[in-house]
Amino acid sequence: MTAGDKDGASLFPLALLSLIICVDAASYGVIVPVMPHFVKKMDLTAFDVSSLYIVYGCVMLALPIPFGALADRVGRLPFIYLGMACKALALVGIVAADGYWGLLAARVIDAAGGIATWTVAMALVADYYPREVLGSRFGTLMAAGEVGTLIGPLLSGPLVDLTDKIYPPFFIMAGLCVLCGVLASTLPRAEWTRAGGSPLGELSRLFTSRRIVAASIVYVAGASFIGMIEPILPLYLDEKLRFSPTWISALLVAVGGSVAICMPAAGWLSQKVETRKLIALGLVVSAFTMPGFVLIMDRYILVCWMVLVGAGWALVFAPVLPLFTDAVRDKDGQYGVAFGLTNALWASGFIIGPSLGGGLAQYAGYAVSFIAFSAILLALSPIVWSMARPRSKAPEND
């Protein structure tokens, strides 16, 4: 199938791209349960560990748009090959590293690989499928990423405990990355209009669309929300509610599983219901869940509450991606740059969220941090409702 096939009947490209994204996400997560091993082996400080995540975010912020622009010029598949090769190299490099700088270099390579894979996979989905089914297609792709984030830690921890060795999960994931790179050669040829202008010119054209501005605001806000929850909520649960690591893991599995299930459903709904309604609902649901972290003291109820948190994320992110494809088509633009932009926006949120949430939690308390984010998401809902209204027949500003 090529981009010219507008019936969107073949699901093979989506299935293979979902597998690639799942493996990519799983390879990122294998280090999480065994990070204490590297801390002890390399005598790392807390700042050293933090810097491994900061540099990952910086690479995520710097590379998506250049990678997307290049993919619009030279083709999509070379970046899938590059992404999988970088992932495999990084996984082997993590095991081989004998000090902080080796580990840091591996994280940079890992981040570059992830950016190459995610940016081009989303562009390929937009190339392959028509607008009418993009909501469910993007929902499936993002659900695959969520499944991967669950598989990585679930594979790594037990396998290391079972073998009493660090390298098995890393080598297994490296092998899967190589396999995915080989399988990517079977993807159908995607047709697209090769970019002629500069990436900055392409971005400036896209940002004349109100819908792109609205989608960008939503993307940064949603990523900030997730970026704040991931580091702050476990600290709160440990310090205030005395949750064990097992119960904290149960909460993360609950929200990840909820996102994986709800994302395709939300994508399908976005094909039936006006997009801005779902996004606004997702923002309201996400805002509503935040005070629950402070008010709910029962661990079983809180696990169930995290399912609602995941549903809110899905309602925000599954419908928002088609807004980017709409703007690209309206402006006769390039998907590579557009989805490079989404990854850069995601990285921005993952810098803003932990910084703002962590600062508020430290100086004003956890409750203020959660409620402040709730207020921000509520305030954004009517703004997005206004800016993401359906296109008019003469859309100079749409």
Protein backbone atom coordinates (compact mmCIF):
# COMPACT_ATOMS: atom_id res chain seq x y z
CA MET A 1 0.00 0.00 0.00
CA THR A 2 1.21 3.52 -0.73
CA ALA A 3 0.01 6.86 0.48
CA GLY A 4 -2.18 6.95 -2.59
CA ASP A 5 -4.29 4.09 -1.26
CA LYS A 6 -6.98 6.04 0.54
CA ASP A 7 -9.20 3.22 1.66
CA GLY A 8 -6.88 2.53 4.58
CA ALA A 9 -7.85 -1.14 4.39
CA SER A 10 -4.46 -2.74 5.05
CA LEU A 11 -3.52 -2.96 8.71
CA PHE A 12 -0.10 -4.52 8.10
CA PRO A 13 1.83 -1.20 8.21
CA LEU A 14 0.05 -0.20 11.42
CA ALA A 15 0.74 -3.59 13.03
CA LEU A 16 4.44 -3.48 12.16
CA LEU A 17 4.86 0.16 13.21
CA SER A 18 3.07 -0.65 16.48
CA LEU A 19 5.49 -3.52 17.09
CA ILE A 20 8.45 -1.22 16.42
CA ILE A 21 7.10 1.43 18.81
CA CYS A 22 6.37 -1.21 21.47
CA VAL A 23 9.93 -2.54 21.29
CA ASP A 24 11.30 1.01 21.33
CA ALA A 25 9.34 1.85 24.49
CA ALA A 26 10.23 -1.45 26.17
CA SER A 27 13.94 -0.93 25.48
CA TYR A 28 13.72 2.45 27.24
CA GLY A 29 12.19 0.89 30.36
CA VAL A 30 14.52 -2.06 30.94
CA ILE A 31 17.00 0.10 32.87
CA VAL A 32 14.45 1.35 35.43
CA PRO A 33 14.36 -1.66 37.81
CA VAL A 34 18.16 -2.17 37.67
CA MET A 35 19.25 1.46 38.03
CA PRO A 36 20.33 0.80 41.67
CA HIS A 37 22.88 -1.70 40.29
CA PHE A 38 24.51 1.02 38.18
CA VAL A 39 24.38 3.49 41.06
CA LYS A 40 26.35 1.07 43.24
CA LYS A 41 28.68 -0.14 40.50
CA MET A 42 29.64 3.37 39.37
CA ASP A 43 29.21 5.17 42.71
CA LEU A 44 26.72 7.60 41.15
CA THR A 45 25.23 10.52 43.06
CA ALA A 46 21.59 11.57 42.94
CA PHE A 47 22.59 14.41 40.61
CA ASP A 48 24.38 11.95 38.32
CA VAL A 49 21.20 9.90 38.01
CA SER A 50 19.09 13.02 37.45
CA SER A 51 21.47 14.19 34.73
CA LEU A 52 20.89 10.94 32.83
CA TYR A 53 17.24 11.93 32.51
CA ILE A 54 17.92 15.62 31.90
CA VAL A 55 20.22 14.86 28.98
CA TYR A 56 17.60 12.49 27.57
CA GLY A 57 15.05 15.31 27.62
CA CYS A 58 17.50 17.74 26.02
CA VAL A 59 18.17 15.36 23.14
CA MET A 60 14.41 14.84 22.76
CA LEU A 61 13.99 18.60 22.51
CA ALA A 62 16.84 19.20 20.07
CA LEU A 63 16.52 16.43 17.47
CA PRO A 64 12.85 15.81 16.50
CA ILE A 65 12.38 18.73 14.11
CA PRO A 66 15.74 18.25 12.28
CA PHE A 67 15.05 14.51 11.99
CA GLY A 68 11.51 15.15 10.75
CA ALA A 69 12.74 17.69 8.21
CA LEU A 70 15.36 15.26 6.90
CA ALA A 71 12.76 12.50 6.68
CA ASP A 72 10.67 14.81 4.48
CA ARG A 73 13.64 15.12 2.14
CA VAL A 74 15.43 11.77 2.02
CA GLY A 75 12.64 9.36 3.00
CA ARG A 76 11.10 7.69 6.03
CA LEU A 77 12.59 4.22 6.29
CA PRO A 78 16.24 5.25 6.79
CA PHE A 79 15.18 6.82 10.09
CA ILE A 80 13.45 3.64 11.26
CA TYR A 81 16.69 1.78 10.53
CA LEU A 82 18.68 4.48 12.32
CA GLY A 83 16.36 4.44 15.32
CA MET A 84 16.49 0.69 15.80
CA ALA A 85 20.27 0.60 15.30
CA CYS A 86 20.78 3.37 17.88
CA LYS A 87 18.51 1.58 20.34
CA ALA A 88 20.42 -1.70 19.98
CA LEU A 89 23.77 0.09 20.30
CA ALA A 90 22.60 1.99 23.40
CA LEU A 91 21.37 -1.18 25.12
CA VAL A 92 24.71 -2.90 24.59
CA GLY A 93 26.50 0.31 25.58
CA ILE A 94 24.65 0.51 28.90
CA VAL A 95 25.84 -2.97 29.85
CA ALA A 96 29.38 -2.30 28.62
CA ALA A 97 29.71 1.09 30.35
CA ASP A 98 32.22 1.08 33.18
CA GLY A 99 31.57 4.61 34.40
CA TYR A 100 29.27 7.62 34.36
CA TRP A 101 30.40 9.03 31.02
CA GLY A 102 29.87 5.75 29.21
CA LEU A 103 26.38 5.50 30.66
CA LEU A 104 25.67 9.11 29.68
CA ALA A 105 26.83 8.48 26.09
CA ALA A 106 24.57 5.43 25.88
CA ARG A 107 21.61 7.54 27.06
CA VAL A 108 22.29 10.14 24.35
CA ILE A 109 22.34 7.41 21.68
CA ASP A 110 19.18 5.88 23.16
CA ALA A 111 17.36 9.22 23.05
CA ALA A 112 18.43 9.85 19.44
CA GLY A 113 17.15 6.42 18.46
CA GLY A 114 13.82 6.95 20.16
CA ILE A 115 13.31 10.31 18.48
CA ALA A 116 14.11 8.90 15.02
CA THR A 117 11.69 6.00 15.49
CA TRP A 118 8.76 7.89 17.01
CA THR A 119 8.90 10.90 14.67
CA VAL A 120 8.97 8.84 11.50
CA ALA A 121 6.51 6.17 12.70
CA MET A 122 3.86 8.85 13.26
CA ALA A 123 4.63 10.44 9.89
CA LEU A 124 4.28 7.03 8.21
CA VAL A 125 0.87 6.46 9.80
CA ALA A 126 -0.25 9.82 8.38
CA ASP A 127 1.23 8.85 4.99
CA TYR A 128 -0.48 5.47 4.87
CA TYR A 129 -3.99 6.21 6.14
CA PRO A 130 -6.76 8.72 5.32
CA ARG A 131 -8.02 11.32 7.78
CA GLU A 132 -11.21 9.36 8.47
CA VAL A 133 -9.34 6.61 10.33
CA LEU A 134 -6.33 8.49 11.70
CA GLY A 135 -7.80 8.83 15.20
CA SER A 136 -7.98 5.07 15.75
CA ARG A 137 -4.65 4.48 13.96
CA PHE A 138 -2.78 6.96 16.15
CA GLY A 139 -4.57 5.61 19.21
CA THR A 140 -3.34 2.11 18.39
CA LEU A 141 0.23 3.34 17.85
CA MET A 142 0.31 5.18 21.17
CA ALA A 143 -1.30 2.24 22.96
CA ALA A 144 1.56 0.07 21.65
CA GLY A 145 3.99 2.52 23.24
CA GLU A 146 2.17 2.21 26.56
CA VAL A 147 2.31 -1.58 26.37
CA GLY A 148 6.05 -1.28 25.76
CA THR A 149 6.54 0.90 28.82
CA LEU A 150 4.93 -1.89 30.87
CA ILE A 151 6.85 -4.73 29.22
CA GLY A 152 10.31 -3.20 29.74
CA PRO A 153 10.35 -3.11 33.57
CA LEU A 154 8.28 -6.31 33.85
CA LEU A 155 10.85 -8.14 31.69
CA SER A 156 13.96 -6.61 33.23
CA GLY A 157 13.40 -6.98 36.96
CA PRO A 158 12.32 -10.64 37.10
CA LEU A 159 14.89 -11.71 34.49
CA VAL A 160 17.75 -10.12 36.41
CA ASP A 161 16.50 -11.72 39.65
CA LEU A 162 16.17 -15.09 37.93
CA THR A 163 19.61 -15.12 36.27
CA ASP A 164 21.43 -12.95 38.82
CA LYS A 165 22.99 -11.15 35.83
CA ILE A 166 22.38 -7.66 34.45
CA TYR A 167 22.91 -8.21 30.74
CA PRO A 168 20.11 -10.70 29.69
CA PRO A 169 17.23 -8.17 29.35
CA PHE A 170 19.48 -5.65 27.59
CA PHE A 171 20.76 -8.20 25.07
CA ILE A 172 17.26 -9.57 24.46
CA MET A 173 15.91 -6.07 23.76
CA ALA A 174 18.92 -5.26 21.56
CA GLY A 175 18.19 -8.37 19.50
CA LEU A 176 14.52 -7.38 19.18
CA CYS A 177 15.56 -3.90 18.00
CA VAL A 178 17.74 -5.44 15.28
CA LEU A 179 14.87 -7.73 14.28
CA CYS A 180 12.47 -4.76 14.05
CA GLY A 181 14.98 -2.91 11.88
CA VAL A 182 15.07 -5.87 9.49
CA LEU A 183 11.27 -6.21 9.48
CA ALA A 184 10.93 -2.49 8.70
CA SER A 185 12.29 -3.23 5.21
CA THR A 186 8.96 -4.96 4.47
CA LEU A 187 6.93 -1.78 5.05
CA PRO A 188 5.08 -0.59 1.93
CA ARG A 189 6.54 2.36 0.09
CA ALA A 190 5.05 5.61 1.36
CA GLU A 191 4.46 8.45 -1.07
CA TRP A 192 4.82 12.04 0.07
CA THR A 193 5.61 15.44 -1.38
CA ARG A 194 9.30 16.08 -0.83
CA ALA A 195 10.00 19.22 1.16
CA GLY A 196 11.52 22.11 -0.70
CA GLY A 197 11.64 24.92 1.85
CA SER A 198 13.43 25.26 5.18
CA PRO A 199 12.15 23.56 8.34
CA LEU A 200 11.69 26.96 10.00
CA GLY A 201 9.60 28.11 7.07
CA GLU A 202 7.51 24.95 7.32
CA LEU A 203 6.97 25.50 11.05
CA SER A 204 6.00 29.14 10.58
CA ARG A 205 3.41 28.11 7.98
CA LEU A 206 1.97 25.48 10.29
CA PHE A 207 1.67 27.95 13.17
CA THR A 208 -0.60 30.19 11.12
CA SER A 209 -3.21 27.52 11.87
CA ARG A 210 -5.27 28.10 15.00
CA ARG A 211 -5.72 24.34 15.29
CA ILE A 212 -1.95 23.73 15.36
CA VAL A 213 -1.56 26.35 18.11
CA ALA A 214 -4.37 24.71 20.09
CA ALA A 215 -2.93 21.23 19.55
CA SER A 216 0.53 22.44 20.61
CA ILE A 217 -0.86 23.93 23.83
CA VAL A 218 -2.65 20.66 24.58
CA TYR A 219 0.44 18.58 23.84
CA VAL A 220 2.70 20.61 26.14
CA ALA A 221 0.06 20.70 28.89
CA GLY A 222 -0.61 16.96 28.66
CA ALA A 223 3.08 16.07 28.64
CA SER A 224 3.66 18.43 31.59
CA PHE A 225 0.88 16.68 33.50
CA ILE A 226 2.41 13.24 32.85
CA GLY A 227 5.93 14.56 33.44
CA MET A 228 4.87 15.92 36.83
CA ILE A 229 2.99 12.77 37.87
CA GLU A 230 5.81 10.30 37.14
CA PRO A 231 8.40 11.67 39.62
CA ILE A 232 6.16 13.51 42.12
CA LEU A 233 3.36 11.00 42.75
CA PRO A 234 5.68 8.12 43.83
CA LEU A 235 7.46 10.49 46.23
CA TYR A 236 4.13 11.62 47.69
CA LEU A 237 2.87 8.04 48.03
CA ASP A 238 6.08 6.95 49.74
CA GLU A 239 6.39 9.94 52.07
CA LYS A 240 2.77 10.61 52.98
CA LEU A 241 0.99 7.27 52.53
CA ARG A 242 3.91 4.89 53.11
CA PHE A 243 3.24 2.97 49.91
CA SER A 244 5.67 0.13 49.22
CA PRO A 245 7.46 -0.14 45.84
CA THR A 246 5.08 -2.95 44.90
CA TRP A 247 2.02 -0.77 45.46
CA ILE A 248 3.59 2.14 43.58
CA SER A 249 4.29 -0.25 40.70
CA ALA A 250 0.65 -1.37 40.86
CA LEU A 251 -0.49 2.23 40.41
CA LEU A 252 1.81 2.73 37.43
CA VAL A 253 0.64 -0.52 35.85
CA ALA A 254 -2.98 0.53 36.40
CA VAL A 255 -2.55 3.86 34.64
CA GLY A 256 -0.42 2.36 31.86
CA GLY A 257 -2.90 -0.44 31.25
CA SER A 258 -5.77 2.03 31.23
CA VAL A 259 -4.03 4.19 28.63
CA ALA A 260 -3.24 1.16 26.48
CA ILE A 261 -6.90 0.08 26.50
CA CYS A 262 -8.50 3.53 26.25
CA MET A 263 -6.22 5.04 23.62
CA PRO A 264 -7.60 3.10 20.62
CA ALA A 265 -11.16 3.63 21.89
CA ALA A 266 -10.56 7.38 22.23
CA GLY A 267 -9.05 7.44 18.74
CA TRP A 268 -12.11 5.69 17.34
CA LEU A 269 -14.39 8.14 19.16
CA SER A 270 -12.49 11.06 17.64
CA GLN A 271 -13.65 9.84 14.24
CA LYS A 272 -17.29 9.98 15.39
CA VAL A 273 -17.33 12.99 17.74
CA GLU A 274 -16.03 16.51 17.23
CA THR A 275 -12.34 16.46 18.19
CA ARG A 276 -12.36 19.47 20.49
CA LYS A 277 -15.16 17.96 22.58
CA LEU A 278 -13.06 14.91 23.39
CA ILE A 279 -9.94 16.97 24.10
CA ALA A 280 -11.84 19.35 26.38
CA LEU A 281 -13.42 16.36 28.15
CA GLY A 282 -9.98 14.79 28.57
CA LEU A 283 -8.60 17.98 30.10
CA VAL A 284 -11.54 18.20 32.52
CA VAL A 285 -11.23 14.52 33.50
CA SER A 286 -7.47 14.90 34.03
CA ALA A 287 -8.03 18.02 36.14
CA PHE A 288 -10.70 16.22 38.15
CA THR A 289 -8.35 13.33 38.99
CA MET A 290 -5.61 15.51 40.50
CA PRO A 291 -7.26 16.33 43.88
CA GLY A 292 -7.99 12.63 44.28
CA PHE A 293 -4.30 11.96 44.88
CA VAL A 294 -4.58 14.00 48.08
CA LEU A 295 -8.10 13.04 49.14
CA ILE A 296 -7.99 9.26 48.62
CA MET A 297 -6.22 7.34 51.37
CA ASP A 298 -7.26 3.78 50.53
CA ARG A 299 -4.69 2.07 48.27
CA TYR A 300 -7.25 -0.12 46.49
CA ILE A 301 -9.44 2.85 45.62
CA LEU A 302 -6.36 4.76 44.47
CA VAL A 303 -5.42 1.94 42.07
CA CYS A 304 -8.93 2.16 40.60
CA TRP A 305 -8.57 5.95 40.47
CA MET A 306 -5.46 5.58 38.29
CA VAL A 307 -7.63 3.87 35.66
CA LEU A 308 -9.59 7.13 35.40
CA VAL A 309 -6.30 9.04 35.15
CA GLY A 310 -5.31 6.88 32.17
CA ALA A 311 -8.69 7.43 30.52
CA GLY A 312 -8.18 11.19 30.80
CA TRP A 313 -4.77 10.97 29.15
CA ALA A 314 -6.22 8.90 26.30
CA LEU A 315 -9.04 11.40 25.70
CA VAL A 316 -6.44 14.18 25.38
CA PHE A 317 -3.73 12.56 23.28
CA ALA A 318 -5.57 10.26 20.84
CA PRO A 319 -7.73 13.02 19.30
CA VAL A 320 -5.02 15.72 19.28
CA LEU A 321 -2.68 14.08 16.76
CA PRO A 322 -5.19 14.31 13.85
CA LEU A 323 -5.26 18.09 14.45
CA PHE A 324 -1.62 18.17 13.35
CA THR A 325 -2.37 16.15 10.20
CA ASP A 326 -5.32 18.42 9.40
CA ALA A 327 -3.11 21.50 9.57
CA VAL A 328 -0.41 19.84 7.45
CA ARG A 329 -2.95 19.02 4.75
CA ASP A 330 -4.52 22.48 4.89
CA LYS A 331 -1.10 24.10 4.43
CA ASP A 332 0.20 21.45 1.97
CA GLY A 333 2.91 20.79 4.51
CA GLN A 334 5.18 17.94 5.54
CA TYR A 335 4.39 15.27 8.12
CA GLY A 336 8.02 14.79 9.15
CA VAL A 337 8.35 18.34 10.44
CA ALA A 338 4.87 18.23 12.00
CA PHE A 339 5.56 15.11 14.03
CA GLY A 340 9.05 16.30 14.82
CA LEU A 341 7.22 19.24 16.37
CA THR A 342 4.98 16.95 18.45
CA ASN A 343 8.01 15.17 19.88
CA ALA A 344 9.70 18.48 20.68
CA LEU A 345 6.51 19.65 22.39
CA TRP A 346 6.42 16.41 24.38
CA ALA A 347 10.02 16.97 25.49
CA SER A 348 9.15 20.54 26.51
CA GLY A 349 6.33 19.25 28.68
CA PHE A 350 8.63 16.71 30.30
CA ILE A 351 10.97 19.54 31.25
CA ILE A 352 8.23 21.94 32.41
CA GLY A 353 6.16 19.39 34.36
CA PRO A 354 8.83 18.02 36.71
CA SER A 355 10.37 21.47 37.18
CA LEU A 356 7.10 23.22 38.07
CA GLY A 357 5.61 20.28 39.95
CA GLY A 358 8.79 19.59 41.87
CA GLY A 359 9.25 23.24 42.82
CA LEU A 360 5.67 23.58 44.05
CA ALA A 361 5.86 20.30 45.96
CA GLN A 362 9.08 21.31 47.68
CA TYR A 363 8.15 24.87 48.63
CA ALA A 364 4.35 24.75 48.92
CA GLY A 365 3.52 21.08 49.46
CA TYR A 366 2.21 18.19 47.39
CA ALA A 367 -1.43 19.28 47.65
CA VAL A 368 -0.65 22.71 46.17
CA SER A 369 1.30 21.08 43.35
CA PHE A 370 -1.55 18.75 42.40
CA ILE A 371 -4.26 21.42 42.71
CA ALA A 372 -2.21 23.95 40.70
CA PHE A 373 -1.94 21.51 37.80
CA SER A 374 -5.65 20.76 38.10
CA ALA A 375 -6.44 24.49 37.80
CA ILE A 376 -4.15 24.85 34.75
CA LEU A 377 -5.83 21.97 32.92
CA LEU A 378 -9.31 23.35 33.73
CA ALA A 379 -8.32 26.81 32.49
CA LEU A 380 -7.03 25.36 29.21
CA SER A 381 -10.26 23.50 28.43
CA PRO A 382 -12.32 26.53 27.19
CA ILE A 383 -9.28 27.93 25.39
CA VAL A 384 -8.83 24.74 23.41
CA TRP A 385 -12.58 24.58 22.81
CA SER A 386 -12.43 28.00 21.16
CA MET A 387 -9.20 27.61 19.19
CA ALA A 388 -9.79 24.06 17.89
CA ARG A 389 -13.23 24.73 16.42
CA PRO A 390 -14.00 23.05 13.09
CA ARG A 391 -12.51 24.54 9.97
CA SER A 392 -14.53 27.06 8.00
CA LYS A 393 -14.80 27.03 4.24
CA ALA A 394 -12.36 29.90 3.89
CA PRO A 395 -9.76 29.15 6.52
CA GLU A 396 -7.08 31.82 6.34
CA ASN A 397 -6.54 31.41 10.05
CA ASP A 398 -7.48 27.76 10.32
